[in-house]
Amino acid sequence: QESDFSFHIPFGFSLSSESEEVTLGYTSNIRSDQID
């Protein structure tokens, strides 16, 4: 089940996954191991 988050960070941060079991994305259809 995909969960939505919002960190309210002002600028210049990236979030990356340390393992292939957890993926990140801005939509449910596009996922990767790192997002801005």
PDB file of all heavy atoms in Angstrom:
ATOM      1  N   GLN A   1       0.853  -1.186   0.000  1.00  0.00           N
ATOM      2  CA  GLN A   1       0.000   0.000   0.000  1.00  0.00           C
ATOM      3  C   GLN A   1       0.893   1.242   0.000  1.00  0.00           C
ATOM      4  O   GLN A   1       1.726   1.401   0.883  1.00  0.00           O
ATOM      5  CB  GLN A   1      -0.918   0.029   1.222  1.00  0.00           C
ATOM      6  CG  GLN A   1      -2.028  -0.999   1.201  1.00  0.00           C
ATOM      7  CD  GLN A   1      -2.983  -0.829   2.364  1.00  0.00           C
ATOM      8  OE1 GLN A   1      -3.031   0.209   3.010  1.00  0.00           O
ATOM      9  NE2 GLN A   1      -3.756  -1.872   2.638  1.00  0.00           N
ATOM     10  N   GLU A   2       0.714   2.091  -1.002  1.00  0.00           N
ATOM     11  CA  GLU A   2       1.510   3.306  -1.063  1.00  0.00           C
ATOM     12  C   GLU A   2       0.979   4.331  -0.066  1.00  0.00           C
ATOM     13  O   GLU A   2      -0.239   4.542   0.035  1.00  0.00           O
ATOM     14  CB  GLU A   2       1.482   3.895  -2.468  1.00  0.00           C
ATOM     15  CG  GLU A   2       2.413   5.098  -2.613  1.00  0.00           C
ATOM     16  CD  GLU A   2       2.518   5.572  -4.043  1.00  0.00           C
ATOM     17  OE1 GLU A   2       1.492   6.021  -4.585  1.00  0.00           O
ATOM     18  OE2 GLU A   2       3.610   5.470  -4.616  1.00  0.00           O
ATOM     19  N   SER A   3       1.884   4.965   0.680  1.00  0.00           N
ATOM     20  CA  SER A   3       1.526   6.006   1.629  1.00  0.00           C
ATOM     21  C   SER A   3       2.082   7.333   1.148  1.00  0.00           C
ATOM     22  O   SER A   3       3.210   7.406   0.657  1.00  0.00           O
ATOM     23  CB  SER A   3       2.079   5.680   3.024  1.00  0.00           C
ATOM     24  OG  SER A   3       1.466   4.519   3.552  1.00  0.00           O
ATOM     25  N   ASP A   4       1.275   8.384   1.286  1.00  0.00           N
ATOM     26  CA  ASP A   4       1.679   9.717   0.842  1.00  0.00           C
ATOM     27  C   ASP A   4       2.250  10.524   1.998  1.00  0.00           C
ATOM     28  O   ASP A   4       1.749  10.471   3.131  1.00  0.00           O
ATOM     29  CB  ASP A   4       0.482  10.461   0.247  1.00  0.00           C
ATOM     30  CG  ASP A   4       0.014   9.834  -1.052  1.00  0.00           C
ATOM     31  OD1 ASP A   4       0.875   9.306  -1.792  1.00  0.00           O
ATOM     32  OD2 ASP A   4      -1.200   9.870  -1.335  1.00  0.00           O
ATOM     33  N   PHE A   5       3.299  11.305   1.695  1.00  0.00           N
ATOM     34  CA  PHE A   5       3.962  12.139   2.686  1.00  0.00           C
ATOM     35  C   PHE A   5       4.225  13.511   2.102  1.00  0.00           C
ATOM     36  O   PHE A   5       4.270  13.697   0.881  1.00  0.00           O
ATOM     37  CB  PHE A   5       5.293  11.512   3.130  1.00  0.00           C
ATOM     38  CG  PHE A   5       5.156  10.180   3.804  1.00  0.00           C
ATOM     39  CD1 PHE A   5       5.080   9.007   3.056  1.00  0.00           C
ATOM     40  CD2 PHE A   5       5.080  10.094   5.176  1.00  0.00           C
ATOM     41  CE1 PHE A   5       4.945   7.779   3.672  1.00  0.00           C
ATOM     42  CE2 PHE A   5       4.950   8.874   5.805  1.00  0.00           C
ATOM     43  CZ  PHE A   5       4.880   7.708   5.059  1.00  0.00           C
ATOM     44  N   SER A   6       4.438  14.473   3.010  1.00  0.00           N
ATOM     45  CA  SER A   6       4.858  15.811   2.619  1.00  0.00           C
ATOM     46  C   SER A   6       5.736  16.357   3.736  1.00  0.00           C
ATOM     47  O   SER A   6       5.281  16.482   4.872  1.00  0.00           O
ATOM     48  CB  SER A   6       3.647  16.718   2.401  1.00  0.00           C
ATOM     49  OG  SER A   6       4.058  18.017   2.036  1.00  0.00           O
ATOM     50  N   PHE A   7       7.005  16.639   3.435  1.00  0.00           N
ATOM     51  CA  PHE A   7       7.966  17.012   4.474  1.00  0.00           C
ATOM     52  C   PHE A   7       8.097  18.528   4.668  1.00  0.00           C
ATOM     53  O   PHE A   7       8.730  18.974   5.610  1.00  0.00           O
ATOM     54  CB  PHE A   7       9.348  16.437   4.143  1.00  0.00           C
ATOM     55  CG  PHE A   7       9.477  14.979   4.467  1.00  0.00           C
ATOM     56  CD1 PHE A   7      10.628  14.284   4.107  1.00  0.00           C
ATOM     57  CD2 PHE A   7       8.473  14.287   5.122  1.00  0.00           C
ATOM     58  CE1 PHE A   7      10.770  12.936   4.402  1.00  0.00           C
ATOM     59  CE2 PHE A   7       8.603  12.939   5.420  1.00  0.00           C
ATOM     60  CZ  PHE A   7       9.751  12.263   5.055  1.00  0.00           C
ATOM     61  N   HIS A   8       7.539  19.355   3.761  1.00  0.00           N
ATOM     62  CA  HIS A   8       7.579  20.817   3.904  1.00  0.00           C
ATOM     63  C   HIS A   8       9.015  21.331   4.063  1.00  0.00           C
ATOM     64  O   HIS A   8       9.309  22.143   4.934  1.00  0.00           O
ATOM     65  CB  HIS A   8       6.729  21.263   5.094  1.00  0.00           C
ATOM     66  CG  HIS A   8       5.327  20.750   5.065  1.00  0.00           C
ATOM     67  ND1 HIS A   8       4.357  21.269   4.235  1.00  0.00           N
ATOM     68  CD2 HIS A   8       4.735  19.742   5.756  1.00  0.00           C
ATOM     69  CE1 HIS A   8       3.218  20.608   4.418  1.00  0.00           C
ATOM     70  NE2 HIS A   8       3.423  19.682   5.325  1.00  0.00           N
ATOM     71  N   ILE A   9       9.909  20.836   3.227  1.00  0.00           N
ATOM     72  CA  ILE A   9      11.308  21.274   3.258  1.00  0.00           C
ATOM     73  C   ILE A   9      11.500  22.374   2.226  1.00  0.00           C
ATOM     74  O   ILE A   9      11.068  22.242   1.076  1.00  0.00           O
ATOM     75  CB  ILE A   9      12.249  20.091   2.975  1.00  0.00           C
ATOM     76  CG1 ILE A   9      12.117  19.048   4.094  1.00  0.00           C
ATOM     77  CG2 ILE A   9      13.690  20.556   2.871  1.00  0.00           C
ATOM     78  CD1 ILE A   9      12.979  17.825   3.890  1.00  0.00           C
ATOM     79  N   PRO A  10      12.176  23.475   2.585  1.00  0.00           N
ATOM     80  CA  PRO A  10      12.238  24.636   1.689  1.00  0.00           C
ATOM     81  C   PRO A  10      13.024  24.451   0.404  1.00  0.00           C
ATOM     82  O   PRO A  10      12.624  24.939  -0.637  1.00  0.00           O
ATOM     83  CB  PRO A  10      12.872  25.725   2.574  1.00  0.00           C
ATOM     84  CG  PRO A  10      13.625  24.972   3.633  1.00  0.00           C
ATOM     85  CD  PRO A  10      12.843  23.725   3.881  1.00  0.00           C
ATOM     86  N   PHE A  11      14.175  23.765   0.430  1.00  0.00           N
ATOM     87  CA  PHE A  11      14.981  23.742  -0.796  1.00  0.00           C
ATOM     88  C   PHE A  11      16.037  22.642  -0.743  1.00  0.00           C
ATOM     89  O   PHE A  11      16.428  22.200   0.320  1.00  0.00           O
ATOM     90  CB  PHE A  11      15.704  25.078  -0.986  1.00  0.00           C
ATOM     91  CG  PHE A  11      16.652  25.405   0.157  1.00  0.00           C
ATOM     92  CD1 PHE A  11      17.950  24.937   0.159  1.00  0.00           C
ATOM     93  CD2 PHE A  11      16.211  26.159   1.230  1.00  0.00           C
ATOM     94  CE1 PHE A  11      18.819  25.226   1.207  1.00  0.00           C
ATOM     95  CE2 PHE A  11      17.075  26.447   2.289  1.00  0.00           C
ATOM     96  CZ  PHE A  11      18.371  25.988   2.280  1.00  0.00           C
ATOM     97  N   GLY A  12      16.479  22.207  -1.934  1.00  0.00           N
ATOM     98  CA  GLY A  12      17.716  21.478  -2.118  1.00  0.00           C
ATOM     99  C   GLY A  12      17.875  20.148  -1.424  1.00  0.00           C
ATOM    100  O   GLY A  12      19.003  19.750  -1.139  1.00  0.00           O
ATOM    101  N   PHE A  13      16.783  19.419  -1.147  1.00  0.00           N
ATOM    102  CA  PHE A  13      16.912  18.133  -0.471  1.00  0.00           C
ATOM    103  C   PHE A  13      16.505  16.993  -1.394  1.00  0.00           C
ATOM    104  O   PHE A  13      15.613  17.144  -2.238  1.00  0.00           O
ATOM    105  CB  PHE A  13      16.056  18.078   0.786  1.00  0.00           C
ATOM    106  CG  PHE A  13      16.665  18.795   1.959  1.00  0.00           C
ATOM    107  CD1 PHE A  13      16.441  20.142   2.159  1.00  0.00           C
ATOM    108  CD2 PHE A  13      17.476  18.110   2.856  1.00  0.00           C
ATOM    109  CE1 PHE A  13      17.007  20.807   3.242  1.00  0.00           C
ATOM    110  CE2 PHE A  13      18.046  18.760   3.932  1.00  0.00           C
ATOM    111  CZ  PHE A  13      17.809  20.115   4.125  1.00  0.00           C
ATOM    112  N   SER A  14      17.189  15.876  -1.247  1.00  0.00           N
ATOM    113  CA  SER A  14      16.806  14.664  -1.962  1.00  0.00           C
ATOM    114  C   SER A  14      16.603  13.539  -0.963  1.00  0.00           C
ATOM    115  O   SER A  14      17.210  13.527   0.111  1.00  0.00           O
ATOM    116  CB  SER A  14      17.872  14.269  -2.987  1.00  0.00           C
ATOM    117  OG  SER A  14      19.080  13.910  -2.341  1.00  0.00           O
ATOM    118  N   LEU A  15      15.736  12.613  -1.335  1.00  0.00           N
ATOM    119  CA  LEU A  15      15.441  11.458  -0.484  1.00  0.00           C
ATOM    120  C   LEU A  15      15.756  10.205  -1.279  1.00  0.00           C
ATOM    121  O   LEU A  15      15.313  10.062  -2.422  1.00  0.00           O
ATOM    122  CB  LEU A  15      13.963  11.465  -0.075  1.00  0.00           C
ATOM    123  CG  LEU A  15      13.521  10.443   0.964  1.00  0.00           C
ATOM    124  CD1 LEU A  15      14.165  10.732   2.323  1.00  0.00           C
ATOM    125  CD2 LEU A  15      11.999  10.451   1.112  1.00  0.00           C
ATOM    126  N   SER A  16      16.564   9.317  -0.703  1.00  0.00           N
ATOM    127  CA  SER A  16      16.946   8.100  -1.430  1.00  0.00           C
ATOM    128  C   SER A  16      16.700   6.877  -0.576  1.00  0.00           C
ATOM    129  O   SER A  16      16.791   6.924   0.654  1.00  0.00           O
ATOM    130  CB  SER A  16      18.424   8.157  -1.841  1.00  0.00           C
ATOM    131  OG  SER A  16      19.256   8.299  -0.706  1.00  0.00           O
ATOM    132  N   SER A  17      16.371   5.781  -1.239  1.00  0.00           N
ATOM    133  CA  SER A  17      16.120   4.512  -0.567  1.00  0.00           C
ATOM    134  C   SER A  17      17.406   3.695  -0.530  1.00  0.00           C
ATOM    135  O   SER A  17      18.136   3.614  -1.520  1.00  0.00           O
ATOM    136  CB  SER A  17      15.036   3.732  -1.301  1.00  0.00           C
ATOM    137  OG  SER A  17      14.879   2.439  -0.736  1.00  0.00           O
ATOM    138  N   GLU A  18      17.675   3.113   0.641  1.00  0.00           N
ATOM    139  CA  GLU A  18      18.881   2.308   0.809  1.00  0.00           C
ATOM    140  C   GLU A  18      18.699   0.875   0.313  1.00  0.00           C
ATOM    141  O   GLU A  18      19.655   0.100   0.288  1.00  0.00           O
ATOM    142  CB  GLU A  18      19.271   2.288   2.299  1.00  0.00           C
ATOM    143  CG  GLU A  18      19.485   3.657   2.921  1.00  0.00           C
ATOM    144  CD  GLU A  18      20.807   4.272   2.542  1.00  0.00           C
ATOM    145  OE1 GLU A  18      21.783   3.528   2.422  1.00  0.00           O
ATOM    146  OE2 GLU A  18      20.855   5.496   2.358  1.00  0.00           O
ATOM    147  N   SER A  19      17.478   0.489  -0.058  1.00  0.00           N
ATOM    148  CA  SER A  19      17.224  -0.898  -0.472  1.00  0.00           C
ATOM    149  C   SER A  19      16.207  -0.925  -1.598  1.00  0.00           C
ATOM    150  O   SER A  19      15.362  -0.032  -1.719  1.00  0.00           O
ATOM    151  CB  SER A  19      16.715  -1.729   0.713  1.00  0.00           C
ATOM    152  OG  SER A  19      15.580  -1.121   1.275  1.00  0.00           O
ATOM    153  N   GLU A  20      16.278  -1.949  -2.415  1.00  0.00           N
ATOM    154  CA  GLU A  20      15.392  -2.047  -3.564  1.00  0.00           C
ATOM    155  C   GLU A  20      13.960  -2.389  -3.168  1.00  0.00           C
ATOM    156  O   GLU A  20      13.031  -2.226  -3.969  1.00  0.00           O
ATOM    157  CB  GLU A  20      15.921  -3.107  -4.541  1.00  0.00           C
ATOM    158  CG  GLU A  20      16.026  -4.508  -3.952  1.00  0.00           C
ATOM    159  CD  GLU A  20      16.589  -5.518  -4.929  1.00  0.00           C
ATOM    160  OE1 GLU A  20      17.179  -5.083  -5.943  1.00  0.00           O
ATOM    161  OE2 GLU A  20      16.445  -6.715  -4.668  1.00  0.00           O
ATOM    162  N   GLU A  21      13.756  -2.843  -1.930  1.00  0.00           N
ATOM    163  CA  GLU A  21      12.398  -3.198  -1.491  1.00  0.00           C
ATOM    164  C   GLU A  21      11.507  -1.975  -1.282  1.00  0.00           C
ATOM    165  O   GLU A  21      10.283  -2.076  -1.292  1.00  0.00           O
ATOM    166  CB  GLU A  21      12.439  -4.000  -0.185  1.00  0.00           C
ATOM    167  CG  GLU A  21      12.966  -5.420  -0.312  1.00  0.00           C
ATOM    168  CD  GLU A  21      14.472  -5.502  -0.248  1.00  0.00           C
ATOM    169  OE1 GLU A  21      15.125  -4.430  -0.142  1.00  0.00           O
ATOM    170  OE2 GLU A  21      15.010  -6.615  -0.287  1.00  0.00           O
ATOM    171  N   VAL A  22      12.107  -0.806  -1.062  1.00  0.00           N
ATOM    172  CA  VAL A  22      11.351   0.427  -0.835  1.00  0.00           C
ATOM    173  C   VAL A  22      11.597   1.381  -1.993  1.00  0.00           C
ATOM    174  O   VAL A  22      12.740   1.690  -2.316  1.00  0.00           O
ATOM    175  CB  VAL A  22      11.766   1.092   0.495  1.00  0.00           C
ATOM    176  CG1 VAL A  22      11.028   2.420   0.684  1.00  0.00           C
ATOM    177  CG2 VAL A  22      11.481   0.170   1.676  1.00  0.00           C
ATOM    178  N   THR A  23      10.507   1.839  -2.626  1.00  0.00           N
ATOM    179  CA  THR A  23      10.627   2.753  -3.758  1.00  0.00           C
ATOM    180  C   THR A  23       9.897   4.057  -3.448  1.00  0.00           C
ATOM    181  O   THR A  23       8.985   4.109  -2.627  1.00  0.00           O
ATOM    182  CB  THR A  23      10.061   2.131  -5.038  1.00  0.00           C
ATOM    183  OG1 THR A  23       8.702   1.727  -4.804  1.00  0.00           O
ATOM    184  CG2 THR A  23      10.883   0.926  -5.450  1.00  0.00           C
ATOM    185  N   LEU A  24      10.309   5.121  -4.174  1.00  0.00           N
ATOM    186  CA  LEU A  24       9.785   6.460  -3.951  1.00  0.00           C
ATOM    187  C   LEU A  24       9.227   6.999  -5.256  1.00  0.00           C
ATOM    188  O   LEU A  24       9.638   6.581  -6.339  1.00  0.00           O
ATOM    189  CB  LEU A  24      10.892   7.403  -3.460  1.00  0.00           C
ATOM    190  CG  LEU A  24      11.757   6.892  -2.309  1.00  0.00           C
ATOM    191  CD1 LEU A  24      13.007   7.762  -2.156  1.00  0.00           C
ATOM    192  CD2 LEU A  24      10.970   6.888  -1.008  1.00  0.00           C
ATOM    193  N   GLY A  25       8.296   7.941  -5.170  1.00  0.00           N
ATOM    194  CA  GLY A  25       7.777   8.531  -6.392  1.00  0.00           C
ATOM    195  C   GLY A  25       6.777   9.626  -6.130  1.00  0.00           C
ATOM    196  O   GLY A  25       6.247   9.772  -5.028  1.00  0.00           O
ATOM    197  N   TYR A  26       6.509  10.424  -7.181  1.00  0.00           N
ATOM    198  CA  TYR A  26       5.511  11.484  -7.095  1.00  0.00           C
ATOM    199  C   TYR A  26       4.142  11.005  -7.544  1.00  0.00           C
ATOM    200  O   TYR A  26       3.141  11.638  -7.284  1.00  0.00           O
ATOM    201  CB  TYR A  26       5.939  12.679  -7.952  1.00  0.00           C
ATOM    202  CG  TYR A  26       7.195  13.345  -7.441  1.00  0.00           C
ATOM    203  CD1 TYR A  26       8.374  13.296  -8.169  1.00  0.00           C
ATOM    204  CD2 TYR A  26       7.192  14.025  -6.235  1.00  0.00           C
ATOM    205  CE1 TYR A  26       9.524  13.910  -7.712  1.00  0.00           C
ATOM    206  CE2 TYR A  26       8.340  14.634  -5.761  1.00  0.00           C
ATOM    207  CZ  TYR A  26       9.496  14.574  -6.502  1.00  0.00           C
ATOM    208  OH  TYR A  26      10.626  15.169  -6.021  1.00  0.00           O
ATOM    209  N   THR A  27       4.081   9.888  -8.251  1.00  0.00           N
ATOM    210  CA  THR A  27       2.806   9.295  -8.635  1.00  0.00           C
ATOM    211  C   THR A  27       2.886   7.810  -8.360  1.00  0.00           C
ATOM    212  O   THR A  27       3.951   7.242  -8.152  1.00  0.00           O
ATOM    213  CB  THR A  27       2.505   9.511 -10.132  1.00  0.00           C
ATOM    214  OG1 THR A  27       3.403   8.718 -10.906  1.00  0.00           O
ATOM    215  CG2 THR A  27       2.654  10.979 -10.522  1.00  0.00           C
ATOM    216  N   SER A  28       1.751   7.161  -8.362  1.00  0.00           N
ATOM    217  CA  SER A  28       1.711   5.727  -8.089  1.00  0.00           C
ATOM    218  C   SER A  28       2.300   4.905  -9.227  1.00  0.00           C
ATOM    219  O   SER A  28       2.583   3.728  -9.060  1.00  0.00           O
ATOM    220  CB  SER A  28       0.263   5.290  -7.825  1.00  0.00           C
ATOM    221  OG  SER A  28      -0.248   5.939  -6.678  1.00  0.00           O
ATOM    222  N   ASN A  29       2.455   5.524 -10.405  1.00  0.00           N
ATOM    223  CA  ASN A  29       2.903   4.765 -11.571  1.00  0.00           C
ATOM    224  C   ASN A  29       4.406   4.886 -11.826  1.00  0.00           C
ATOM    225  O   ASN A  29       4.980   4.091 -12.553  1.00  0.00           O
ATOM    226  CB  ASN A  29       2.149   5.241 -12.816  1.00  0.00           C
ATOM    227  CG  ASN A  29       0.656   5.025 -12.674  1.00  0.00           C
ATOM    228  OD1 ASN A  29       0.229   4.009 -12.146  1.00  0.00           O
ATOM    229  ND2 ASN A  29      -0.130   5.988 -13.135  1.00  0.00           N
ATOM    230  N   ILE A  30       5.053   5.901 -11.279  1.00  0.00           N
ATOM    231  CA  ILE A  30       6.474   6.107 -11.522  1.00  0.00           C
ATOM    232  C   ILE A  30       7.204   6.075 -10.195  1.00  0.00           C
ATOM    233  O   ILE A  30       6.993   6.925  -9.334  1.00  0.00           O
ATOM    234  CB  ILE A  30       6.730   7.455 -12.224  1.00  0.00           C
ATOM    235  CG1 ILE A  30       5.927   7.525 -13.523  1.00  0.00           C
ATOM    236  CG2 ILE A  30       8.209   7.653 -12.493  1.00  0.00           C
ATOM    237  CD1 ILE A  30       5.989   8.876 -14.195  1.00  0.00           C
ATOM    238  N   ARG A  31       8.081   5.087 -10.022  1.00  0.00           N
ATOM    239  CA  ARG A  31       8.800   4.953  -8.766  1.00  0.00           C
ATOM    240  C   ARG A  31      10.286   4.812  -9.054  1.00  0.00           C
ATOM    241  O   ARG A  31      10.702   4.295 -10.090  1.00  0.00           O
ATOM    242  CB  ARG A  31       8.316   3.730  -7.970  1.00  0.00           C
ATOM    243  CG  ARG A  31       6.840   3.776  -7.605  1.00  0.00           C
ATOM    244  CD  ARG A  31       6.516   2.723  -6.568  1.00  0.00           C
ATOM    245  NE  ARG A  31       5.097   2.702  -6.269  1.00  0.00           N
ATOM    246  CZ  ARG A  31       4.222   1.886  -6.821  1.00  0.00           C
ATOM    247  NH1 ARG A  31       4.640   0.998  -7.708  1.00  0.00           N
ATOM    248  NH2 ARG A  31       2.958   1.923  -6.500  1.00  0.00           N
ATOM    249  N   SER A  32      11.115   5.264  -8.100  1.00  0.00           N
ATOM    250  CA  SER A  32      12.558   5.150  -8.247  1.00  0.00           C
ATOM    251  C   SER A  32      13.172   5.021  -6.865  1.00  0.00           C
ATOM    252  O   SER A  32      12.467   5.005  -5.854  1.00  0.00           O
ATOM    253  CB  SER A  32      13.122   6.377  -8.974  1.00  0.00           C
ATOM    254  OG  SER A  32      12.954   7.534  -8.160  1.00  0.00           O
ATOM    255  N   ASP A  33      14.500   4.937  -6.827  1.00  0.00           N
ATOM    256  CA  ASP A  33      15.180   4.826  -5.540  1.00  0.00           C
ATOM    257  C   ASP A  33      15.600   6.177  -4.986  1.00  0.00           C
ATOM    258  O   ASP A  33      16.149   6.266  -3.902  1.00  0.00           O
ATOM    259  CB  ASP A  33      16.393   3.900  -5.642  1.00  0.00           C
ATOM    260  CG  ASP A  33      17.436   4.444  -6.613  1.00  0.00           C
ATOM    261  OD1 ASP A  33      17.150   5.450  -7.305  1.00  0.00           O
ATOM    262  OD2 ASP A  33      18.527   3.861  -6.679  1.00  0.00           O
ATOM    263  N   GLN A  34      15.328   7.279  -5.754  1.00  0.00           N
ATOM    264  CA  GLN A  34      15.683   8.615  -5.274  1.00  0.00           C
ATOM    265  C   GLN A  34      14.768   9.655  -5.903  1.00  0.00           C
ATOM    266  O   GLN A  34      14.430   9.580  -7.085  1.00  0.00           O
ATOM    267  CB  GLN A  34      17.142   8.940  -5.594  1.00  0.00           C
ATOM    268  CG  GLN A  34      17.565  10.325  -5.105  1.00  0.00           C
ATOM    269  CD  GLN A  34      19.056  10.554  -5.264  1.00  0.00           C
ATOM    270  OE1 GLN A  34      19.856   9.664  -5.033  1.00  0.00           O
ATOM    271  NE2 GLN A  34      19.437  11.768  -5.655  1.00  0.00           N
ATOM    272  N   ILE A  35      14.359  10.640  -5.091  1.00  0.00           N
ATOM    273  CA  ILE A  35      13.550  11.749  -5.590  1.00  0.00           C
ATOM    274  C   ILE A  35      14.058  13.042  -4.969  1.00  0.00           C
ATOM    275  O   ILE A  35      14.699  13.032  -3.917  1.00  0.00           O
ATOM    276  CB  ILE A  35      12.047  11.579  -5.261  1.00  0.00           C
ATOM    277  CG1 ILE A  35      11.846  11.469  -3.741  1.00  0.00           C
ATOM    278  CG2 ILE A  35      11.454  10.388  -5.986  1.00  0.00           C
ATOM    279  CD1 ILE A  35      10.383  11.491  -3.326  1.00  0.00           C
ATOM    280  N   ASP A  36      13.758  14.163  -5.616  1.00  0.00           N
ATOM    281  CA  ASP A  36      14.041  15.479  -5.055  1.00  0.00           C
ATOM    282  C   ASP A  36      12.811  15.965  -4.310  1.00  0.00           C
ATOM    283  O   ASP A  36      11.681  15.862  -4.814  1.00  0.00           O
ATOM    284  CB  ASP A  36      14.409  16.468  -6.166  1.00  0.00           C
ATOM    285  CG  ASP A  36      15.728  16.111  -6.843  1.00  0.00           C
ATOM    286  OD1 ASP A  36      16.625  15.615  -6.123  1.00  0.00           O
ATOM    287  OD2 ASP A  36      15.845  16.310  -8.063  1.00  0.00           O
TER     288      ASP A  36
END
